[in-house]
Structures are given as structure tokens and as C-alpha cells.
């Protein structure tokens, strides 16, 4: 897709080199709405996907089929954004409640609820008094934040809540509920996750975490660096040593009989090994996670790089979604699963 196609759309920016992921804002009546558009590899809008912020999604309720039709039939992104603005203008006109100011008792009740909850638990409130951020400290001293988006008919209308959690955030609400009830439900949820986060905190502190690069409280996976040793045999031989009364990290040390590299013993650059094909560490968001099984080689590769390399060799063969071939470095047998593109 030509670059000139996006010159007239400065609020939509490509996030990747292939220009398949665009992020930005669409502005209507002095209001900005966040959106993201993901294009297929051929850059055709017929298979494009649109992701909206919750305000935009709520505003476009009932117009979804029109938006989808215009997205898939527009000649380019600029044309689609112009048509989306037109749809939004119509939606705003048909939903005057979007501009309706809450009654005076809305503000007085909100102030009363904040005072009852405690001003020390309020991290942020916007100028319209409709978006708040509340903090909750769990028993281990971790601070967690919940964002509360109030509606004009609050508390009759339930607010929309979001937080950085590895599980869905479900808040029970009734017209008699208050900010304090939101906070107490949120605190119960983070307390229930305290042991889970303690395990991850120990891993984050005592090992080098390769992915995610900057873990959040919502991340439930860790890929850590280990020194390559005959781990499979030790794992099979020592599984009986697993002690449920010990932490996961301590059990892994005992079972595999190793010490994990940590910030105290190793530099992280020691594990940022480049892919043996593209010679880079990160390919988009992926790191080299395919390794030659020959201990004398051990060369790492990106899954996508190795898949494309093996697929191009006449000596390779494929069975279902697995390609069998030779390591580009040592020529020993190596296999890789078909690379699945991320949305």
C-alpha cells in the first residue's frame, strides 16, 4: 500500500515496519476517540479489523454493520476515517445523552462517596468528574489501580471498571452501590491473587525474565533464561523431589539441579542472543525461541525465520504444520512448527 495513502491522515500512525497495524485517534466535535486498525499482509481493507476504545464502542452501538461495511469497501484508510467521522457525527446527534451534563446531585453524591471512601485512595479524577482512578494496597504492600468510568445517570447506571489483572474484573452493582463497594470488591480480588503475584515476583527478582520484557500485573506468563544443561533427564529423574510446600522457583532449582541466572549474577545482554538467520534479537515482538538440539551447536533462531529458511530448502519436508530440515549452522536435524502470525 503506498505511503502517500496516509499523508492526509496524521492521527493514524503505523506501528510496524510492514504497515499492517495502525493506531491513533479519530476526532469528532472536539472529542478524540482511540482506535486501532489491523490490516492483513496484502494490506487489503476487505480483511481489516477495527478495535475501538470503550467510549467509541459505546457510541457506535447499533452502527456496527455500517462501520464494518464501510471498512471493507473503502478504497484506503483515509477514505474510511472520513466515512467513520460522518457515522460518528450522526451517532452523536442521535445520542444527546453523550453531551448531557449530570444533575447537581451527581456531583454532591460523588464528593460524599469519595469522602466516605477516603481521599487517600483517590489517585486521579478528570475535570468532568466522570473518570476516577482508585488505589488498593494488598497485604504484601503491592499497589493496584482500578479505573472507574461513571455515566451521567450514576449510580442508576453501573460504571465501567478496568484494572491490570490476569483475570476478568467483575464488579457486582446495584443502584445502591457506591465507590466504596467497588473498592472493597476490587481489594478482595487482588487479595485472592496475592499468592499468585508472590510467585511471579520471586521469579522476576531472582531470574532474568526474557518475555514479557516489562511484565505487568496482568501478565501470567514468564519466559526465563537458563544455562543449557541436560535438563530433560534431570527433570524426569527428579520429579519426585517436587515439594508443594516450597515455592515454584525453589522446586525448579531442586528438580533440575541448577541455579537460574539472575540480575545479581549475570548481565541481561548475556541472554540476548541474536537469531542465526536474521542476526537480530527482536523480530517485531518475538525473540529467538527455537534452538538447535545439538549441544555442540545450540544456535537460536526466531520461529518465523527458521520456518521460512527450512521451507525454502529442497531437502526439507513438511508433515502437517511441522517442517523437518537441517540446522543452517551444523546441518544436524532440526524441526519447527509453522509460524502463526499474531493479530
Protein backbone atom coordinates (compact mmCIF):
# COMPACT_ATOMS: atom_id res chain seq x y z
CA UNK A 1 0.00 0.00 0.00
CA UNK A 2 1.61 3.32 -0.98
CA UNK A 3 2.82 5.61 1.80
CA UNK A 4 1.07 8.56 0.15
CA UNK A 5 -2.23 6.95 1.03
CA UNK A 6 -1.79 8.06 4.65
CA UNK A 7 -0.46 11.61 4.20
CA UNK A 8 -3.89 13.12 4.83
CA UNK A 9 -4.44 11.07 7.99
CA UNK A 10 -1.87 12.37 10.51
CA UNK A 11 -3.68 10.96 13.57
CA UNK A 12 -3.27 7.38 12.35
CA UNK A 13 0.28 6.05 12.69
CA UNK A 14 1.78 2.75 11.56
CA UNK A 15 3.23 0.79 14.50
CA UNK A 16 5.19 -1.74 12.48
CA UNK A 17 7.55 -1.69 9.50
CA UNK A 18 5.15 -3.73 7.37
CA UNK A 19 2.44 -1.11 7.94
CA UNK A 20 -0.21 -3.58 8.94
CA UNK A 21 -1.02 -2.14 12.38
CA UNK A 22 -2.25 1.46 12.64
CA UNK A 23 -3.03 3.22 15.89
CA UNK A 24 -4.39 6.69 16.56
CA UNK A 25 -7.44 8.86 17.06
CA UNK A 26 -10.48 9.99 15.16
CA UNK A 27 -11.72 13.46 16.15
CA UNK A 28 -15.38 14.47 16.01
CA UNK A 29 -16.93 17.61 17.54
CA UNK A 30 -13.76 18.36 19.55
CA UNK A 31 -13.73 14.84 21.00
CA UNK A 32 -10.96 12.29 20.39
CA UNK A 33 -11.64 8.57 20.18
CA UNK A 34 -8.84 5.98 20.25
CA UNK A 35 -8.84 3.24 17.63
CA UNK A 36 -6.59 0.62 16.07
CA UNK A 37 -6.81 -0.91 12.59
CA UNK A 38 -5.05 -4.18 11.72
CA UNK A 39 -4.53 -4.96 8.05
CA UNK A 40 -3.77 -8.36 6.52
CA UNK A 41 -0.38 -8.93 4.89
CA UNK A 42 -1.76 -7.87 1.49
CA UNK A 43 -2.96 -4.53 3.01
CA UNK A 44 -6.49 -5.03 1.66
CA UNK A 45 -9.25 -3.46 3.76
CA UNK A 46 -11.62 -6.33 2.94
CA UNK A 47 -9.99 -8.40 5.71
CA UNK A 48 -9.11 -5.49 8.03
CA UNK A 49 -10.09 -5.49 11.72
CA UNK A 50 -11.11 -2.44 13.74
CA UNK A 51 -10.57 -2.15 17.50
CA UNK A 52 -12.13 0.73 19.45
CA UNK A 53 -11.81 2.29 22.89
CA UNK A 54 -14.82 1.67 25.12
CA UNK A 55 -16.21 5.20 24.53
CA UNK A 56 -16.11 4.74 20.76
CA UNK A 57 -17.54 1.23 21.00
CA UNK A 58 -20.44 2.52 23.09
CA UNK A 59 -21.09 5.39 20.70
CA UNK A 60 -21.11 3.08 17.66
CA UNK A 61 -23.55 0.61 19.22
CA UNK A 62 -26.19 -0.05 16.59
CA UNK A 63 -23.93 1.19 13.79
CA UNK A 64 -21.56 -1.80 13.78
CA UNK A 65 -22.82 -3.23 10.48
CA UNK A 66 -22.43 0.13 8.74
CA UNK A 67 -18.90 0.62 10.07
CA UNK A 68 -17.89 -2.91 9.04
CA UNK A 69 -19.35 -2.39 5.58
CA UNK A 70 -17.54 0.92 5.07
CA UNK A 71 -14.25 -0.51 6.38
CA UNK A 72 -14.33 -3.43 3.96
CA UNK A 73 -15.47 -1.36 0.97
CA UNK A 74 -13.35 1.79 1.35
CA UNK A 75 -10.53 2.26 -1.13
CA UNK A 76 -8.00 3.23 1.56
CA UNK A 77 -7.70 4.13 5.24
CA UNK A 78 -8.10 7.87 4.66
CA UNK A 79 -11.45 7.30 2.96
CA UNK A 80 -12.57 5.02 5.78
CA UNK A 81 -11.63 7.52 8.51
CA UNK A 82 -13.60 10.25 6.70
CA UNK A 83 -16.63 7.96 6.50
CA UNK A 84 -16.20 6.94 10.13
CA UNK A 85 -16.30 10.60 11.13
CA UNK A 86 -19.58 11.02 9.27
CA UNK A 87 -21.04 7.99 11.05
CA UNK A 88 -19.88 9.35 14.41
CA UNK A 89 -21.45 12.75 13.77
CA UNK A 90 -24.77 11.03 13.09
CA UNK A 91 -24.37 8.87 16.19
CA UNK A 92 -23.64 11.90 18.37
CA UNK A 93 -26.69 13.73 17.06
CA UNK A 94 -28.89 10.72 17.79
CA UNK A 95 -27.46 10.30 21.29
CA UNK A 96 -27.85 13.64 23.03
CA UNK A 97 -27.12 11.90 26.30
CA UNK A 98 -23.44 11.98 25.31
CA UNK A 99 -23.49 15.74 25.91
CA UNK A 100 -25.95 15.78 28.80
CA UNK A 101 -24.36 17.07 31.98
CA UNK A 102 -25.17 15.14 35.13
CA UNK A 103 -27.55 16.83 37.60
CA UNK A 104 -26.10 18.72 40.62
CA UNK A 105 -26.85 15.82 42.97
CA UNK A 106 -24.48 13.66 40.87
CA UNK A 107 -21.52 15.81 41.98
CA UNK A 108 -22.61 16.15 45.60
CA UNK A 109 -23.11 12.38 45.90
CA UNK A 110 -19.74 11.72 44.25
CA UNK A 111 -17.93 14.01 46.71
CA UNK A 112 -19.73 12.33 49.61
CA UNK A 113 -18.72 8.89 48.36
CA UNK A 114 -15.08 9.92 47.93
CA UNK A 115 -15.02 11.35 51.46
CA UNK A 116 -16.53 8.13 52.80
CA UNK A 117 -14.01 6.01 50.91
CA UNK A 118 -11.07 8.26 51.83
CA UNK A 119 -9.31 10.86 49.70
CA UNK A 120 -6.06 8.92 50.17
CA UNK A 121 -7.48 6.18 47.95
CA UNK A 122 -8.18 8.57 45.06
CA UNK A 123 -5.25 8.70 42.62
CA UNK A 124 -6.90 10.68 39.84
CA UNK A 125 -10.15 12.31 38.76
CA UNK A 126 -10.66 14.10 35.46
CA UNK A 127 -12.09 17.60 35.03
CA UNK A 128 -15.52 16.22 34.08
CA UNK A 129 -15.72 14.20 37.30
CA UNK A 130 -16.60 11.10 35.30
CA UNK A 131 -13.34 9.11 35.31
CA UNK A 132 -11.60 8.14 38.54
CA UNK A 133 -8.62 6.02 39.46
CA UNK A 134 -8.67 4.37 42.88
CA UNK A 135 -5.77 2.60 44.56
CA UNK A 136 -5.87 -0.53 46.68
CA UNK A 137 -2.90 -1.95 48.60
CA UNK A 138 -2.85 -5.71 49.14
CA UNK A 139 -1.44 -7.43 52.24
CA UNK A 140 2.02 -7.64 50.65
CA UNK A 141 2.15 -3.88 50.08
CA UNK A 142 1.60 -4.00 46.31
CA UNK A 143 -0.35 -1.06 44.98
CA UNK A 144 -3.09 -1.77 42.44
CA UNK A 145 -5.20 0.69 40.46
CA UNK A 146 -8.79 0.42 39.27
CA UNK A 147 -10.19 2.88 36.72
CA UNK A 148 -13.86 3.76 37.16
CA UNK A 149 -15.77 5.45 34.33
CA UNK A 150 -19.02 6.92 35.64
CA UNK A 151 -22.08 7.52 33.48
CA UNK A 152 -24.39 10.56 33.61
CA UNK A 153 -27.11 8.54 35.37
CA UNK A 154 -24.75 7.18 38.04
CA UNK A 155 -25.48 5.35 40.32
CA UNK A 156 -28.56 4.04 38.48
CA UNK A 157 -26.29 3.15 35.57
CA UNK A 158 -23.42 0.84 36.50
CA UNK A 159 -19.95 2.35 35.93
CA UNK A 160 -17.41 0.68 33.68
CA UNK A 161 -14.38 -0.59 35.59
CA UNK A 162 -10.99 -1.76 34.36
CA UNK A 163 -7.77 -2.86 36.06
CA UNK A 164 -4.43 -4.51 35.34
CA UNK A 165 -5.38 -8.09 36.27
CA UNK A 166 -4.71 -11.58 34.87
CA UNK A 167 -8.41 -12.47 35.32
CA UNK A 168 -11.65 -10.75 34.26
CA UNK A 169 -12.74 -7.90 36.51
CA UNK A 170 -16.38 -8.46 37.50
CA UNK A 171 -18.00 -5.87 39.77
CA UNK A 172 -21.44 -6.56 41.20
CA UNK A 173 -23.53 -3.39 41.01
CA UNK A 174 -26.94 -2.10 42.11
CA UNK A 175 -28.38 1.45 42.27
CA UNK A 176 -27.50 1.43 45.98
CA UNK A 177 -23.82 0.63 45.34
CA UNK A 178 -21.08 3.19 45.91
CA UNK A 179 -17.41 3.75 45.16
CA UNK A 180 -16.65 2.03 48.47
CA UNK A 181 -18.36 -1.15 47.26
CA UNK A 182 -16.29 -1.06 44.06
CA UNK A 183 -13.12 -0.60 46.09
CA UNK A 184 -13.95 -3.40 48.53
CA UNK A 185 -14.72 -5.87 45.71
CA UNK A 186 -11.50 -4.89 43.95
CA UNK A 187 -9.49 -5.32 47.15
CA UNK A 188 -10.95 -8.81 47.69
CA UNK A 189 -9.96 -9.76 44.15
CA UNK A 190 -6.35 -8.54 44.45
CA UNK A 191 -6.04 -10.30 47.82
CA UNK A 192 -7.17 -13.54 46.17
CA UNK A 193 -4.36 -13.08 43.63
CA UNK A 194 -1.70 -12.19 46.21
CA UNK A 195 -0.14 -15.67 46.34
CA UNK A 196 -0.09 -15.85 42.53
CA UNK A 197 1.73 -12.49 42.30
CA UNK A 198 4.14 -13.54 45.07
CA UNK A 199 5.27 -16.48 42.90
CA UNK A 200 5.80 -14.21 39.89
CA UNK A 201 7.56 -11.55 41.98
CA UNK A 202 10.05 -14.15 43.19
CA UNK A 203 10.72 -15.25 39.62
CA UNK A 204 11.06 -11.62 38.46
CA UNK A 205 13.51 -10.85 41.27
CA UNK A 206 15.73 -13.93 41.11
CA UNK A 207 15.82 -14.77 37.37
CA UNK A 208 16.33 -12.93 34.11
CA UNK A 209 12.90 -12.63 32.52
CA UNK A 210 13.16 -12.54 28.72
CA UNK A 211 9.45 -12.20 27.99
CA UNK A 212 7.45 -10.16 28.64
CA UNK A 213 10.17 -7.52 28.64
CA UNK A 214 8.32 -5.33 31.16
CA UNK A 215 5.82 -7.59 32.98
CA UNK A 216 2.61 -6.06 34.30
CA UNK A 217 0.21 -7.42 36.90
CA UNK A 218 -1.94 -8.71 34.04
CA UNK A 219 0.85 -10.93 32.66
CA UNK A 220 0.58 -14.52 33.85
CA UNK A 221 3.48 -15.97 31.80
CA UNK A 222 7.25 -15.69 32.17
CA UNK A 223 9.97 -16.89 29.79
CA UNK A 224 13.22 -17.01 31.74
CA UNK A 225 16.87 -17.56 30.85
CA UNK A 226 18.58 -20.78 31.94
CA UNK A 227 22.03 -22.18 31.37
CA UNK A 228 21.78 -25.04 28.84
CA UNK A 229 22.40 -28.37 30.56
CA UNK A 230 20.89 -31.91 30.22
CA UNK A 231 17.73 -30.67 31.91
CA UNK A 232 15.25 -33.14 30.46
CA UNK A 233 16.89 -36.17 32.05
CA UNK A 234 17.18 -34.43 35.40
CA UNK A 235 13.58 -33.30 35.21
CA UNK A 236 12.37 -36.87 34.58
CA UNK A 237 14.62 -38.33 37.27
CA UNK A 238 13.87 -35.77 40.00
CA UNK A 239 10.17 -35.02 39.68
CA UNK A 240 9.57 -36.97 42.89
CA UNK A 241 11.51 -34.24 44.71
CA UNK A 242 8.82 -31.65 43.96
CA UNK A 243 7.63 -30.26 47.30
CA UNK A 244 4.25 -28.47 47.29
CA UNK A 245 5.28 -26.61 50.46
CA UNK A 246 8.14 -24.86 48.61
CA UNK A 247 7.93 -22.08 46.06
CA UNK A 248 7.86 -22.81 42.34
CA UNK A 249 11.31 -21.29 41.87
CA UNK A 250 12.85 -23.37 44.69
CA UNK A 251 11.26 -26.55 43.30
CA UNK A 252 12.68 -25.84 39.84
CA UNK A 253 16.13 -25.39 41.41
CA UNK A 254 15.86 -28.68 43.29
CA UNK A 255 14.37 -30.76 40.47
CA UNK A 256 16.65 -29.51 37.69
CA UNK A 257 19.68 -29.10 39.98
CA UNK A 258 20.59 -25.68 38.60
CA UNK A 259 20.89 -22.09 39.68
CA UNK A 260 18.98 -19.70 37.47
CA UNK A 261 20.83 -16.70 36.05
CA UNK A 262 19.63 -13.59 37.84
CA UNK A 263 20.34 -9.84 37.80
CA UNK A 264 22.74 -10.45 40.69
CA UNK A 265 24.90 -12.94 38.77
CA UNK A 266 24.56 -12.16 35.05
CA UNK A 267 24.09 -9.26 32.69
CA UNK A 268 20.88 -9.49 30.67
CA UNK A 269 22.88 -8.92 27.49
CA UNK A 270 24.35 -12.40 28.04
CA UNK A 271 20.98 -13.87 27.04
CA UNK A 272 20.07 -11.50 24.21
CA UNK A 273 21.42 -13.93 21.62
CA UNK A 274 20.79 -12.96 18.02
CA UNK A 275 18.85 -15.11 15.59
CA UNK A 276 21.25 -17.12 13.42
CA UNK A 277 19.29 -16.18 10.29
CA UNK A 278 18.23 -12.52 10.56
CA UNK A 279 21.01 -11.56 13.06
CA UNK A 280 18.65 -9.57 15.27
CA UNK A 281 17.35 -10.25 18.78
CA UNK A 282 13.77 -8.99 18.45
CA UNK A 283 11.71 -9.58 15.33
CA UNK A 284 8.63 -7.42 15.87
CA UNK A 285 7.84 -8.62 19.42
CA UNK A 286 9.32 -12.12 19.11
CA UNK A 287 12.69 -13.27 20.46
CA UNK A 288 14.73 -16.29 19.25
CA UNK A 289 12.92 -19.23 20.85
CA UNK A 290 13.91 -22.13 18.55
CA UNK A 291 17.26 -23.73 19.41
CA UNK A 292 19.29 -26.39 17.63
CA UNK A 293 19.11 -29.56 19.74
CA UNK A 294 22.74 -30.47 19.13
CA UNK A 295 24.55 -29.39 22.35
CA UNK A 296 27.68 -28.58 20.31
CA UNK A 297 25.67 -26.04 18.31
CA UNK A 298 22.76 -24.64 20.32
CA UNK A 299 22.21 -21.81 17.83
CA UNK A 300 18.93 -19.92 18.48
CA UNK A 301 16.51 -18.80 15.77
CA UNK A 302 13.24 -16.92 15.50
CA UNK A 303 10.42 -19.35 14.76
CA UNK A 304 9.36 -17.37 11.67
CA UNK A 305 12.95 -17.14 10.36
CA UNK A 306 13.66 -20.84 10.78
CA UNK A 307 10.33 -21.80 9.23
CA UNK A 308 10.94 -19.67 6.12
CA UNK A 309 14.54 -20.91 5.85
CA UNK A 310 13.64 -24.59 6.02
CA UNK A 311 10.66 -24.18 3.72
CA UNK A 312 12.98 -22.79 1.04
CA UNK A 313 15.33 -25.79 1.10
CA UNK A 314 14.67 -28.64 -1.39
CA UNK A 315 15.87 -31.19 1.20
CA UNK A 316 13.26 -30.18 3.80
CA UNK A 317 9.95 -31.97 4.17
CA UNK A 318 6.70 -30.96 5.83
CA UNK A 319 4.19 -33.04 7.76
CA UNK A 320 1.02 -31.19 8.71
CA UNK A 321 2.25 -28.00 10.44
CA UNK A 322 5.80 -29.19 11.18
CA UNK A 323 8.79 -28.70 8.86
CA UNK A 324 11.76 -31.08 9.11
CA UNK A 325 15.16 -30.00 7.83
CA UNK A 326 18.80 -29.28 8.69
CA UNK A 327 20.22 -26.65 11.04
CA UNK A 328 21.68 -23.78 8.95
CA UNK A 329 24.82 -23.87 11.14
CA UNK A 330 25.66 -27.50 11.91
CA UNK A 331 23.44 -29.38 9.41
CA UNK A 332 22.04 -31.57 12.19
CA UNK A 333 18.29 -32.41 12.05
CA UNK A 334 16.02 -29.62 13.25
CA UNK A 335 12.25 -29.13 13.23
CA UNK A 336 9.97 -26.13 13.59
CA UNK A 337 6.23 -25.66 13.74
CA UNK A 338 4.52 -23.42 11.22
CA UNK A 339 4.76 -19.81 12.32
CA UNK A 340 1.30 -18.44 13.14
CA UNK A 341 1.11 -14.66 12.53
CA UNK A 342 -0.10 -12.62 15.51
CA UNK A 343 -3.19 -10.44 15.01
